[in-house]
PDB file of all heavy atoms in Angstrom:
ATOM      1  N   LEU A   1     102.181 110.213 101.373  1.00  0.00           N
ATOM      2  CA  LEU A   1     103.507 110.806 101.341  1.00  0.00           C
ATOM      3  C   LEU A   1     104.224 110.448 100.046  1.00  0.00           C
ATOM      4  O   LEU A   1     104.892 111.291  99.433  1.00  0.00           O
ATOM      5  CB  LEU A   1     104.307 110.325 102.559  1.00  0.00           C
ATOM      6  CG  LEU A   1     105.736 110.843 102.693  1.00  0.00           C
ATOM      7  CD1 LEU A   1     105.750 112.358 102.813  1.00  0.00           C
ATOM      8  CD2 LEU A   1     106.413 110.207 103.910  1.00  0.00           C
ATOM      9  N   ALA A   2     104.100 109.199  99.626  1.00  0.00           N
ATOM     10  CA  ALA A   2     104.750 108.754  98.396  1.00  0.00           C
ATOM     11  C   ALA A   2     104.199 109.504  97.184  1.00  0.00           C
ATOM     12  O   ALA A   2     104.947 109.849  96.259  1.00  0.00           O
ATOM     13  CB  ALA A   2     104.565 107.250  98.226  1.00  0.00           C
ATOM     14  N   GLU A   3     102.890 109.766  97.178  1.00  0.00           N
ATOM     15  CA  GLU A   3     102.299 110.492  96.055  1.00  0.00           C
ATOM     16  C   GLU A   3     102.779 111.939  96.020  1.00  0.00           C
ATOM     17  O   GLU A   3     103.009 112.500  94.949  1.00  0.00           O
ATOM     18  CB  GLU A   3     100.779 110.439  96.146  1.00  0.00           C
ATOM     19  CG  GLU A   3     100.201 109.071  95.828  1.00  0.00           C
ATOM     20  CD  GLU A   3      98.688 109.075  95.764  1.00  0.00           C
ATOM     21  OE1 GLU A   3      98.061 109.798  96.567  1.00  0.00           O
ATOM     22  OE2 GLU A   3      98.144 108.357  94.909  1.00  0.00           O
ATOM     23  N   GLN A   4     102.935 112.549  97.181  1.00  0.00           N
ATOM     24  CA  GLN A   4     103.373 113.938  97.237  1.00  0.00           C
ATOM     25  C   GLN A   4     104.811 114.105  96.785  1.00  0.00           C
ATOM     26  O   GLN A   4     105.180 115.142  96.238  1.00  0.00           O
ATOM     27  CB  GLN A   4     103.233 114.471  98.664  1.00  0.00           C
ATOM     28  CG  GLN A   4     101.800 114.572  99.159  1.00  0.00           C
ATOM     29  CD  GLN A   4     101.738 114.923 100.634  1.00  0.00           C
ATOM     30  OE1 GLN A   4     102.652 115.540 101.173  1.00  0.00           O
ATOM     31  NE2 GLN A   4     100.671 114.509 101.294  1.00  0.00           N
ATOM     32  N   THR A   5     105.638 113.094  97.003  1.00  0.00           N
ATOM     33  CA  THR A   5     107.074 113.221  96.736  1.00  0.00           C
ATOM     34  C   THR A   5     107.540 112.529  95.462  1.00  0.00           C
ATOM     35  O   THR A   5     108.709 112.605  95.114  1.00  0.00           O
ATOM     36  CB  THR A   5     107.873 112.638  97.916  1.00  0.00           C
ATOM     37  OG1 THR A   5     107.505 111.262  98.097  1.00  0.00           O
ATOM     38  CG2 THR A   5     107.581 113.409  99.186  1.00  0.00           C
ATOM     39  N   GLY A   6     106.636 111.846  94.762  1.00  0.00           N
ATOM     40  CA  GLY A   6     107.025 111.168  93.539  1.00  0.00           C
ATOM     41  C   GLY A   6     107.520 109.750  93.738  1.00  0.00           C
ATOM     42  O   GLY A   6     107.822 109.051  92.762  1.00  0.00           O
ATOM     43  N   LEU A   7     107.608 109.297  94.996  1.00  0.00           N
ATOM     44  CA  LEU A   7     108.080 107.944  95.272  1.00  0.00           C
ATOM     45  C   LEU A   7     107.048 106.890  94.884  1.00  0.00           C
ATOM     46  O   LEU A   7     107.360 105.698  94.816  1.00  0.00           O
ATOM     47  CB  LEU A   7     108.429 107.819  96.760  1.00  0.00           C
ATOM     48  CG  LEU A   7     109.131 106.545  97.226  1.00  0.00           C
ATOM     49  CD1 LEU A   7     110.446 106.344  96.485  1.00  0.00           C
ATOM     50  CD2 LEU A   7     109.355 106.580  98.736  1.00  0.00           C
ATOM     51  N   ILE A   8     105.829 107.310  94.603  1.00  0.00           N
ATOM     52  CA  ILE A   8     104.757 106.368  94.298  1.00  0.00           C
ATOM     53  C   ILE A   8     105.069 105.523  93.074  1.00  0.00           C
ATOM     54  O   ILE A   8     104.650 104.361  92.989  1.00  0.00           O
ATOM     55  CB  ILE A   8     103.415 107.129  94.108  1.00  0.00           C
ATOM     56  CG1 ILE A   8     102.245 106.152  94.058  1.00  0.00           C
ATOM     57  CG2 ILE A   8     103.463 108.032  92.883  1.00  0.00           C
ATOM     58  CD1 ILE A   8     102.017 105.388  95.324  1.00  0.00           C
ATOM     59  N   ALA A   9     105.829 106.049  92.121  1.00  0.00           N
ATOM     60  CA  ALA A   9     106.168 105.273  90.921  1.00  0.00           C
ATOM     61  C   ALA A   9     107.046 104.080  91.280  1.00  0.00           C
ATOM     62  O   ALA A   9     106.803 102.957  90.832  1.00  0.00           O
ATOM     63  CB  ALA A   9     106.864 106.165  89.892  1.00  0.00           C
ATOM     64  N   ASP A  10     108.075 104.314  92.099  1.00  0.00           N
ATOM     65  CA  ASP A  10     108.956 103.220  92.508  1.00  0.00           C
ATOM     66  C   ASP A  10     108.206 102.198  93.360  1.00  0.00           C
ATOM     67  O   ASP A  10     108.428 100.987  93.227  1.00  0.00           O
ATOM     68  CB  ASP A  10     110.155 103.774  93.280  1.00  0.00           C
ATOM     69  CG  ASP A  10     111.098 104.570  92.401  1.00  0.00           C
ATOM     70  OD1 ASP A  10     111.103 104.328  91.179  1.00  0.00           O
ATOM     71  OD2 ASP A  10     111.817 105.435  92.925  1.00  0.00           O
ATOM     72  N   ILE A  11     107.345 102.669  94.236  1.00  0.00           N
ATOM     73  CA  ILE A  11     106.574 101.751  95.077  1.00  0.00           C
ATOM     74  C   ILE A  11     105.633 100.902  94.222  1.00  0.00           C
ATOM     75  O   ILE A  11     105.503  99.687  94.437  1.00  0.00           O
ATOM     76  CB  ILE A  11     105.786 102.537  96.142  1.00  0.00           C
ATOM     77  CG1 ILE A  11     106.747 103.097  97.198  1.00  0.00           C
ATOM     78  CG2 ILE A  11     104.726 101.666  96.795  1.00  0.00           C
ATOM     79  CD1 ILE A  11     106.080 103.907  98.269  1.00  0.00           C
ATOM     80  N   THR A  12     104.986 101.522  93.247  1.00  0.00           N
ATOM     81  CA  THR A  12     104.077 100.776  92.388  1.00  0.00           C
ATOM     82  C   THR A  12     104.825  99.730  91.572  1.00  0.00           C
ATOM     83  O   THR A  12     104.323  98.617  91.362  1.00  0.00           O
ATOM     84  CB  THR A  12     103.303 101.725  91.461  1.00  0.00           C
ATOM     85  OG1 THR A  12     102.621 102.708  92.258  1.00  0.00           O
ATOM     86  CG2 THR A  12     102.279 100.975  90.625  1.00  0.00           C
ATOM     87  N   ARG A  13     106.013 100.052  91.117  1.00  0.00           N
ATOM     88  CA  ARG A  13     106.825  99.054  90.406  1.00  0.00           C
ATOM     89  C   ARG A  13     107.105  97.855  91.308  1.00  0.00           C
ATOM     90  O   ARG A  13     107.035  96.697  90.863  1.00  0.00           O
ATOM     91  CB  ARG A  13     108.135  99.682  89.920  1.00  0.00           C
ATOM     92  CG  ARG A  13     107.970 100.693  88.792  1.00  0.00           C
ATOM     93  CD  ARG A  13     109.326 101.116  88.235  1.00  0.00           C
ATOM     94  NE  ARG A  13     109.177 102.124  87.190  1.00  0.00           N
ATOM     95  CZ  ARG A  13     109.247 103.419  87.393  1.00  0.00           C
ATOM     96  NH1 ARG A  13     109.463 103.879  88.622  1.00  0.00           N
ATOM     97  NH2 ARG A  13     109.087 104.271  86.401  1.00  0.00           N
ATOM     98  N   TRP A  14     107.437  98.129  92.564  1.00  0.00           N
ATOM     99  CA  TRP A  14     107.692  97.030  93.510  1.00  0.00           C
ATOM    100  C   TRP A  14     106.428  96.191  93.692  1.00  0.00           C
ATOM    101  O   TRP A  14     106.495  94.948  93.694  1.00  0.00           O
ATOM    102  CB  TRP A  14     108.141  97.611  94.850  1.00  0.00           C
ATOM    103  CG  TRP A  14     108.502  96.575  95.869  1.00  0.00           C
ATOM    104  CD1 TRP A  14     109.738  96.059  96.120  1.00  0.00           C
ATOM    105  CD2 TRP A  14     107.595  95.902  96.762  1.00  0.00           C
ATOM    106  NE1 TRP A  14     109.665  95.104  97.107  1.00  0.00           N
ATOM    107  CE2 TRP A  14     108.372  94.992  97.519  1.00  0.00           C
ATOM    108  CE3 TRP A  14     106.233  95.979  96.999  1.00  0.00           C
ATOM    109  CZ2 TRP A  14     107.811  94.167  98.495  1.00  0.00           C
ATOM    110  CZ3 TRP A  14     105.664  95.151  97.956  1.00  0.00           C
ATOM    111  CH2 TRP A  14     106.448  94.257  98.700  1.00  0.00           C
ATOM    112  N   VAL A  15     105.287  96.851  93.856  1.00  0.00           N
ATOM    113  CA  VAL A  15     104.034  96.139  94.077  1.00  0.00           C
ATOM    114  C   VAL A  15     103.690  95.257  92.877  1.00  0.00           C
ATOM    115  O   VAL A  15     103.288  94.096  93.032  1.00  0.00           O
ATOM    116  CB  VAL A  15     102.889  97.137  94.359  1.00  0.00           C
ATOM    117  CG1 VAL A  15     101.538  96.435  94.321  1.00  0.00           C
ATOM    118  CG2 VAL A  15     103.096  97.815  95.703  1.00  0.00           C
ATOM    119  N   VAL A  16     103.836  95.786  91.671  1.00  0.00           N
ATOM    120  CA  VAL A  16     103.504  95.027  90.470  1.00  0.00           C
ATOM    121  C   VAL A  16     104.358  93.757  90.389  1.00  0.00           C
ATOM    122  O   VAL A  16     103.841  92.651  90.161  1.00  0.00           O
ATOM    123  CB  VAL A  16     103.696  95.890  89.209  1.00  0.00           C
ATOM    124  CG1 VAL A  16     103.613  95.038  87.939  1.00  0.00           C
ATOM    125  CG2 VAL A  16     102.635  96.995  89.156  1.00  0.00           C
ATOM    126  N   ARG A  17     105.652  93.903  90.581  1.00  0.00           N
ATOM    127  CA  ARG A  17     106.541  92.736  90.477  1.00  0.00           C
ATOM    128  C   ARG A  17     106.267  91.723  91.580  1.00  0.00           C
ATOM    129  O   ARG A  17     106.244  90.510  91.336  1.00  0.00           O
ATOM    130  CB  ARG A  17     108.001  93.178  90.504  1.00  0.00           C
ATOM    131  CG  ARG A  17     108.455  93.857  89.216  1.00  0.00           C
ATOM    132  CD  ARG A  17     109.976  93.921  89.126  1.00  0.00           C
ATOM    133  NE  ARG A  17     110.420  94.312  87.809  1.00  0.00           N
ATOM    134  CZ  ARG A  17     110.542  93.485  86.776  1.00  0.00           C
ATOM    135  NH1 ARG A  17     110.238  92.203  86.929  1.00  0.00           N
ATOM    136  NH2 ARG A  17     110.960  93.915  85.611  1.00  0.00           N
ATOM    137  N   ARG A  18     106.058  92.189  92.804  1.00  0.00           N
ATOM    138  CA  ARG A  18     105.793  91.261  93.899  1.00  0.00           C
ATOM    139  C   ARG A  18     104.462  90.530  93.668  1.00  0.00           C
ATOM    140  O   ARG A  18     104.355  89.318  93.890  1.00  0.00           O
ATOM    141  CB  ARG A  18     105.775  92.011  95.229  1.00  0.00           C
ATOM    142  CG  ARG A  18     105.341  91.173  96.438  1.00  0.00           C
ATOM    143  CD  ARG A  18     106.225  89.923  96.632  1.00  0.00           C
ATOM    144  NE  ARG A  18     107.609  90.266  96.848  1.00  0.00           N
ATOM    145  CZ  ARG A  18     108.145  90.583  98.028  1.00  0.00           C
ATOM    146  NH1 ARG A  18     107.380  90.610  99.108  1.00  0.00           N
ATOM    147  NH2 ARG A  18     109.412  90.864  98.120  1.00  0.00           N
ATOM    148  N   ALA A  19     103.435  91.252  93.248  1.00  0.00           N
ATOM    149  CA  ALA A  19     102.137  90.633  93.011  1.00  0.00           C
ATOM    150  C   ALA A  19     102.211  89.600  91.901  1.00  0.00           C
ATOM    151  O   ALA A  19     101.594  88.524  91.989  1.00  0.00           O
ATOM    152  CB  ALA A  19     101.100  91.705  92.664  1.00  0.00           C
ATOM    153  N   LEU A  20     102.956  89.890  90.851  1.00  0.00           N
ATOM    154  CA  LEU A  20     103.094  88.932  89.759  1.00  0.00           C
ATOM    155  C   LEU A  20     103.849  87.682  90.206  1.00  0.00           C
ATOM    156  O   LEU A  20     103.493  86.562  89.810  1.00  0.00           O
ATOM    157  CB  LEU A  20     103.802  89.596  88.573  1.00  0.00           C
ATOM    158  CG  LEU A  20     102.955  90.593  87.783  1.00  0.00           C
ATOM    159  CD1 LEU A  20     103.816  91.383  86.803  1.00  0.00           C
ATOM    160  CD2 LEU A  20     101.834  89.889  87.028  1.00  0.00           C
ATOM    161  N   ARG A  21     104.861  87.849  91.037  1.00  0.00           N
ATOM    162  CA  ARG A  21     105.581  86.675  91.563  1.00  0.00           C
ATOM    163  C   ARG A  21     104.671  85.851  92.474  1.00  0.00           C
ATOM    164  O   ARG A  21     104.655  84.615  92.403  1.00  0.00           O
ATOM    165  CB  ARG A  21     106.840  87.110  92.322  1.00  0.00           C
ATOM    166  CG  ARG A  21     107.943  87.637  91.422  1.00  0.00           C
ATOM    167  CD  ARG A  21     109.284  87.619  92.141  1.00  0.00           C
ATOM    168  NE  ARG A  21     109.294  88.485  93.310  1.00  0.00           N
ATOM    169  CZ  ARG A  21     109.693  89.749  93.294  1.00  0.00           C
ATOM    170  NH1 ARG A  21     110.081  90.313  92.152  1.00  0.00           N
ATOM    171  NH2 ARG A  21     109.686  90.470  94.401  1.00  0.00           N
ATOM    172  N   ASP A  22     103.904  86.537  93.322  1.00  0.00           N
ATOM    173  CA  ASP A  22     102.979  85.823  94.208  1.00  0.00           C
ATOM    174  C   ASP A  22     101.914  85.088  93.393  1.00  0.00           C
ATOM    175  O   ASP A  22     101.537  83.947  93.718  1.00  0.00           O
ATOM    176  CB  ASP A  22     102.304  86.803  95.169  1.00  0.00           C
ATOM    177  CG  ASP A  22     103.250  87.304  96.250  1.00  0.00           C
ATOM    178  OD1 ASP A  22     104.379  86.780  96.341  1.00  0.00           O
ATOM    179  OD2 ASP A  22     102.848  88.211  97.003  1.00  0.00           O
ATOM    180  N   GLN A  23     101.424  85.730  92.347  1.00  0.00           N
ATOM    181  CA  GLN A  23     100.395  85.093  91.529  1.00  0.00           C
ATOM    182  C   GLN A  23     100.953  83.873  90.802  1.00  0.00           C
ATOM    183  O   GLN A  23     100.262  82.854  90.663  1.00  0.00           O
ATOM    184  CB  GLN A  23      99.821  86.089  90.529  1.00  0.00           C
ATOM    185  CG  GLN A  23      98.572  85.558  89.824  1.00  0.00           C
ATOM    186  CD  GLN A  23      97.986  86.572  88.873  1.00  0.00           C
ATOM    187  OE1 GLN A  23      98.716  87.239  88.151  1.00  0.00           O
ATOM    188  NE2 GLN A  23      96.672  86.681  88.848  1.00  0.00           N
ATOM    189  N   THR A  24     102.191  83.959  90.358  1.00  0.00           N
ATOM    190  CA  THR A  24     102.823  82.805  89.726  1.00  0.00           C
ATOM    191  C   THR A  24     102.880  81.630  90.691  1.00  0.00           C
ATOM    192  O   THR A  24     102.611  80.478  90.322  1.00  0.00           O
ATOM    193  CB  THR A  24     104.238  83.177  89.258  1.00  0.00           C
ATOM    194  OG1 THR A  24     104.158  84.232  88.289  1.00  0.00           O
ATOM    195  CG2 THR A  24     104.949  81.978  88.640  1.00  0.00           C
ATOM    196  N   TRP A  25     103.205  81.906  91.936  1.00  0.00           N
ATOM    197  CA  TRP A  25     103.255  80.856  92.963  1.00  0.00           C
ATOM    198  C   TRP A  25     101.868  80.241  93.174  1.00  0.00           C
ATOM    199  O   TRP A  25     101.729  79.032  93.315  1.00  0.00           O
ATOM    200  CB  TRP A  25     103.788  81.444  94.262  1.00  0.00           C
ATOM    201  CG  TRP A  25     103.973  80.446  95.363  1.00  0.00           C
ATOM    202  CD1 TRP A  25     105.039  79.619  95.558  1.00  0.00           C
ATOM    203  CD2 TRP A  25     103.039  80.176  96.423  1.00  0.00           C
ATOM    204  NE1 TRP A  25     104.844  78.842  96.677  1.00  0.00           N
ATOM    205  CE2 TRP A  25     103.634  79.160  97.225  1.00  0.00           C
ATOM    206  CE3 TRP A  25     101.788  80.677  96.775  1.00  0.00           C
ATOM    207  CZ2 TRP A  25     102.990  78.657  98.365  1.00  0.00           C
ATOM    208  CZ3 TRP A  25     101.153  80.176  97.897  1.00  0.00           C
ATOM    209  CH2 TRP A  25     101.748  79.175  98.674  1.00  0.00           C
ATOM    210  N   LEU A  26     100.825  81.082  93.181  1.00  0.00           N
ATOM    211  CA  LEU A  26      99.467  80.576  93.339  1.00  0.00           C
ATOM    212  C   LEU A  26      99.073  79.685  92.162  1.00  0.00           C
ATOM    213  O   LEU A  26      98.450  78.623  92.344  1.00  0.00           O
ATOM    214  CB  LEU A  26      98.486  81.739  93.467  1.00  0.00           C
ATOM    215  CG  LEU A  26      98.513  82.542  94.771  1.00  0.00           C
ATOM    216  CD1 LEU A  26      97.616  83.766  94.654  1.00  0.00           C
ATOM    217  CD2 LEU A  26      98.083  81.686  95.958  1.00  0.00           C
ATOM    218  N   VAL A  27      99.396  80.113  90.949  1.00  0.00           N
ATOM    219  CA  VAL A  27      99.059  79.331  89.760  1.00  0.00           C
ATOM    220  C   VAL A  27      99.746  77.976  89.799  1.00  0.00           C
ATOM    221  O   VAL A  27      99.141  76.933  89.497  1.00  0.00           O
ATOM    222  CB  VAL A  27      99.446  80.104  88.487  1.00  0.00           C
ATOM    223  CG1 VAL A  27      99.316  79.202  87.252  1.00  0.00           C
ATOM    224  CG2 VAL A  27      98.566  81.339  88.327  1.00  0.00           C
ATOM    225  N   GLU A  28     101.014  77.968  90.187  1.00  0.00           N
ATOM    226  CA  GLU A  28     101.747  76.713  90.273  1.00  0.00           C
ATOM    227  C   GLU A  28     101.168  75.794  91.341  1.00  0.00           C
ATOM    228  O   GLU A  28     101.306  74.570  91.265  1.00  0.00           O
ATOM    229  CB  GLU A  28     103.222  76.987  90.559  1.00  0.00           C
ATOM    230  CG  GLU A  28     103.937  77.657  89.386  1.00  0.00           C
ATOM    231  CD  GLU A  28     105.351  78.082  89.735  1.00  0.00           C
ATOM    232  OE1 GLU A  28     105.712  78.018  90.954  1.00  0.00           O
ATOM    233  OE2 GLU A  28     106.099  78.471  88.822  1.00  0.00           O
ATOM    234  N   ALA A  29     100.494  76.377  92.353  1.00  0.00           N
ATOM    235  CA  ALA A  29      99.842  75.581  93.392  1.00  0.00           C
ATOM    236  C   ALA A  29      98.427  75.169  92.993  1.00  0.00           C
ATOM    237  O   ALA A  29      97.712  74.548  93.784  1.00  0.00           O
ATOM    238  CB  ALA A  29      99.809  76.369  94.701  1.00  0.00           C
ATOM    239  N   GLY A  30      98.012  75.537  91.778  1.00  0.00           N
ATOM    240  CA  GLY A  30      96.702  75.152  91.290  1.00  0.00           C
ATOM    241  C   GLY A  30      95.591  76.116  91.638  1.00  0.00           C
ATOM    242  O   GLY A  30      94.408  75.761  91.539  1.00  0.00           O
ATOM    243  N   ASN A  31      95.951  77.338  92.022  1.00  0.00           N
ATOM    244  CA  ASN A  31      94.953  78.329  92.419  1.00  0.00           C
ATOM    245  C   ASN A  31      95.022  79.540  91.489  1.00  0.00           C
ATOM    246  O   ASN A  31      95.869  80.418  91.652  1.00  0.00           O
ATOM    247  CB  ASN A  31      95.185  78.780  93.868  1.00  0.00           C
ATOM    248  CG  ASN A  31      95.038  77.646  94.855  1.00  0.00           C
ATOM    249  OD1 ASN A  31      94.095  76.863  94.766  1.00  0.00           O
ATOM    250  ND2 ASN A  31      95.972  77.539  95.788  1.00  0.00           N
ATOM    251  N   SER A  32      94.147  79.586  90.519  1.00  0.00           N
ATOM    252  CA  SER A  32      94.105  80.698  89.573  1.00  0.00           C
ATOM    253  C   SER A  32      93.127  81.748  90.068  1.00  0.00           C
ATOM    254  O   SER A  32      91.966  81.438  90.375  1.00  0.00           O
ATOM    255  CB  SER A  32      93.689  80.203  88.183  1.00  0.00           C
ATOM    256  OG  SER A  32      94.648  79.307  87.660  1.00  0.00           O
ATOM    257  N   VAL A  33      93.551  82.977  90.137  1.00  0.00           N
ATOM    258  CA  VAL A  33      92.721  84.061  90.627  1.00  0.00           C
ATOM    259  C   VAL A  33      93.244  85.366  90.041  1.00  0.00           C
ATOM    260  O   VAL A  33      94.451  85.530  89.833  1.00  0.00           O
ATOM    261  CB  VAL A  33      92.738  84.104  92.177  1.00  0.00           C
ATOM    262  CG1 VAL A  33      94.108  84.454  92.707  1.00  0.00           C
ATOM    263  CG2 VAL A  33      91.699  85.064  92.711  1.00  0.00           C
ATOM    264  N   THR A  34      92.350  86.282  89.721  1.00  0.00           N
ATOM    265  CA  THR A  34      92.765  87.594  89.228  1.00  0.00           C
ATOM    266  C   THR A  34      93.203  88.461  90.403  1.00  0.00           C
ATOM    267  O   THR A  34      92.509  88.539  91.416  1.00  0.00           O
ATOM    268  CB  THR A  34      91.614  88.293  88.480  1.00  0.00           C
ATOM    269  OG1 THR A  34      91.203  87.480  87.383  1.00  0.00           O
ATOM    270  CG2 THR A  34      92.058  89.652  87.953  1.00  0.00           C
ATOM    271  N   VAL A  35      94.349  89.104  90.266  1.00  0.00           N
ATOM    272  CA  VAL A  35      94.890  89.964  91.318  1.00  0.00           C
ATOM    273  C   VAL A  35      94.751  91.422  90.883  1.00  0.00           C
ATOM    274  O   VAL A  35      95.248  91.817  89.827  1.00  0.00           O
ATOM    275  CB  VAL A  35      96.371  89.646  91.605  1.00  0.00           C
ATOM    276  CG1 VAL A  35      96.935  90.623  92.642  1.00  0.00           C
ATOM    277  CG2 VAL A  35      96.528  88.212  92.092  1.00  0.00           C
ATOM    278  N   TYR A  36      94.049  92.205  91.698  1.00  0.00           N
ATOM    279  CA  TYR A  36      93.871  93.634  91.430  1.00  0.00           C
ATOM    280  C   TYR A  36      94.841  94.449  92.280  1.00  0.00           C
ATOM    281  O   TYR A  36      95.011  94.185  93.473  1.00  0.00           O
ATOM    282  CB  TYR A  36      92.439  94.074  91.739  1.00  0.00           C
ATOM    283  CG  TYR A  36      91.450  93.717  90.658  1.00  0.00           C
ATOM    284  CD1 TYR A  36      90.829  92.476  90.639  1.00  0.00           C
ATOM    285  CD2 TYR A  36      91.134  94.631  89.657  1.00  0.00           C
ATOM    286  CE1 TYR A  36      89.916  92.143  89.647  1.00  0.00           C
ATOM    287  CE2 TYR A  36      90.223  94.321  88.660  1.00  0.00           C
ATOM    288  CZ  TYR A  36      89.619  93.075  88.658  1.00  0.00           C
ATOM    289  OH  TYR A  36      88.716  92.744  87.673  1.00  0.00           O
ATOM    290  N   LEU A  37      95.454  95.450  91.660  1.00  0.00           N
ATOM    291  CA  LEU A  37      96.379  96.353  92.332  1.00  0.00           C
ATOM    292  C   LEU A  37      95.842  97.776  92.243  1.00  0.00           C
ATOM    293  O   LEU A  37      95.190  98.146  91.263  1.00  0.00           O
ATOM    294  CB  LEU A  37      97.771  96.306  91.672  1.00  0.00           C
ATOM    295  CG  LEU A  37      98.357  94.928  91.372  1.00  0.00           C
ATOM    296  CD1 LEU A  37      99.669  95.080  90.621  1.00  0.00           C
ATOM    297  CD2 LEU A  37      98.558  94.153  92.659  1.00  0.00           C
ATOM    298  N   ASN A  38      96.130  98.576  93.244  1.00  0.00           N
ATOM    299  CA  ASN A  38      95.722  99.979  93.224  1.00  0.00           C
ATOM    300  C   ASN A  38      96.716 100.794  92.407  1.00  0.00           C
ATOM    301  O   ASN A  38      97.932 100.693  92.608  1.00  0.00           O
ATOM    302  CB  ASN A  38      95.637 100.528  94.648  1.00  0.00           C
ATOM    303  CG  ASN A  38      94.475  99.929  95.415  1.00  0.00           C
ATOM    304  OD1 ASN A  38      93.333 100.297  95.218  1.00  0.00           O
ATOM    305  ND2 ASN A  38      94.764  98.978  96.294  1.00  0.00           N
ATOM    306  N   LEU A  39      96.200 101.599  91.496  1.00  0.00           N
ATOM    307  CA  LEU A  39      97.043 102.433  90.632  1.00  0.00           C
ATOM    308  C   LEU A  39      96.731 103.901  90.902  1.00  0.00           C
ATOM    309  O   LEU A  39      95.586 104.340  90.760  1.00  0.00           O
ATOM    310  CB  LEU A  39      96.792 102.107  89.161  1.00  0.00           C
ATOM    311  CG  LEU A  39      97.633 102.866  88.136  1.00  0.00           C
ATOM    312  CD1 LEU A  39      99.116 102.569  88.336  1.00  0.00           C
ATOM    313  CD2 LEU A  39      97.216 102.507  86.710  1.00  0.00           C
ATOM    314  N   SER A  40      97.750 104.639  91.311  1.00  0.00           N
ATOM    315  CA  SER A  40      97.585 106.053  91.636  1.00  0.00           C
ATOM    316  C   SER A  40      97.191 106.859  90.407  1.00  0.00           C
ATOM    317  O   SER A  40      97.699 106.639  89.299  1.00  0.00           O
ATOM    318  CB  SER A  40      98.886 106.608  92.223  1.00  0.00           C
ATOM    319  OG  SER A  40      98.841 108.022  92.322  1.00  0.00           O
ATOM    320  N   GLY A  41      96.300 107.818  90.615  1.00  0.00           N
ATOM    321  CA  GLY A  41      95.934 108.717  89.530  1.00  0.00           C
ATOM    322  C   GLY A  41      97.106 109.526  89.016  1.00  0.00           C
ATOM    323  O   GLY A  41      97.095 109.988  87.866  1.00  0.00           O
ATOM    324  N   ARG A  42      98.127 109.698  89.846  1.00  0.00           N
ATOM    325  CA  ARG A  42      99.322 110.442  89.429  1.00  0.00           C
ATOM    326  C   ARG A  42     100.111 109.692  88.366  1.00  0.00           C
ATOM    327  O   ARG A  42     100.944 110.283  87.673  1.00  0.00           O
ATOM    328  CB  ARG A  42     100.203 110.756  90.631  1.00  0.00           C
ATOM    329  CG  ARG A  42      99.547 111.683  91.652  1.00  0.00           C
ATOM    330  CD  ARG A  42     100.438 111.903  92.860  1.00  0.00           C
ATOM    331  NE  ARG A  42      99.791 112.757  93.835  1.00  0.00           N
ATOM    332  CZ  ARG A  42      99.921 114.077  93.904  1.00  0.00           C
ATOM    333  NH1 ARG A  42     100.702 114.690  93.034  1.00  0.00           N
ATOM    334  NH2 ARG A  42      99.296 114.780  94.827  1.00  0.00           N
ATOM    335  N   LEU A  43      99.911 108.374  88.265  1.00  0.00           N
ATOM    336  CA  LEU A  43     100.639 107.565  87.290  1.00  0.00           C
ATOM    337  C   LEU A  43      99.790 107.244  86.070  1.00  0.00           C
ATOM    338  O   LEU A  43     100.325 106.844  85.033  1.00  0.00           O
ATOM    339  CB  LEU A  43     101.099 106.262  87.939  1.00  0.00           C
ATOM    340  CG  LEU A  43     102.011 106.399  89.156  1.00  0.00           C
ATOM    341  CD1 LEU A  43     102.288 105.028  89.759  1.00  0.00           C
ATOM    342  CD2 LEU A  43     103.315 107.079  88.776  1.00  0.00           C
ATOM    343  N   LEU A  44      98.495 107.404  86.185  1.00  0.00           N
ATOM    344  CA  LEU A  44      97.590 106.949  85.141  1.00  0.00           C
ATOM    345  C   LEU A  44      97.802 107.692  83.827  1.00  0.00           C
ATOM    346  O   LEU A  44      97.635 107.116  82.745  1.00  0.00           O
ATOM    347  CB  LEU A  44      96.139 107.114  85.611  1.00  0.00           C
ATOM    348  CG  LEU A  44      95.055 106.492  84.735  1.00  0.00           C
ATOM    349  CD1 LEU A  44      95.319 105.006  84.531  1.00  0.00           C
ATOM    350  CD2 LEU A  44      93.688 106.709  85.358  1.00  0.00           C
ATOM    351  N   ALA A  45      98.163 108.961  83.895  1.00  0.00           N
ATOM    352  CA  ALA A  45      98.354 109.748  82.680  1.00  0.00           C
ATOM    353  C   ALA A  45      99.755 109.613  82.098  1.00  0.00           C
ATOM    354  O   ALA A  45     100.063 110.202  81.053  1.00  0.00           O
ATOM    355  CB  ALA A  45      98.055 111.224  82.960  1.00  0.00           C
TER     356      ALA A  45
END
């Protein structure tokens, strides 16, 4: 639904920021790991 209506851009922005904050918390706890996020093809171009 988000992809059909254009809301996917705002949702992806939220996901990126939340994931980066969560990853920062993991790093500070001594756990380094690469975090992969799904990126819609509608945003890739």
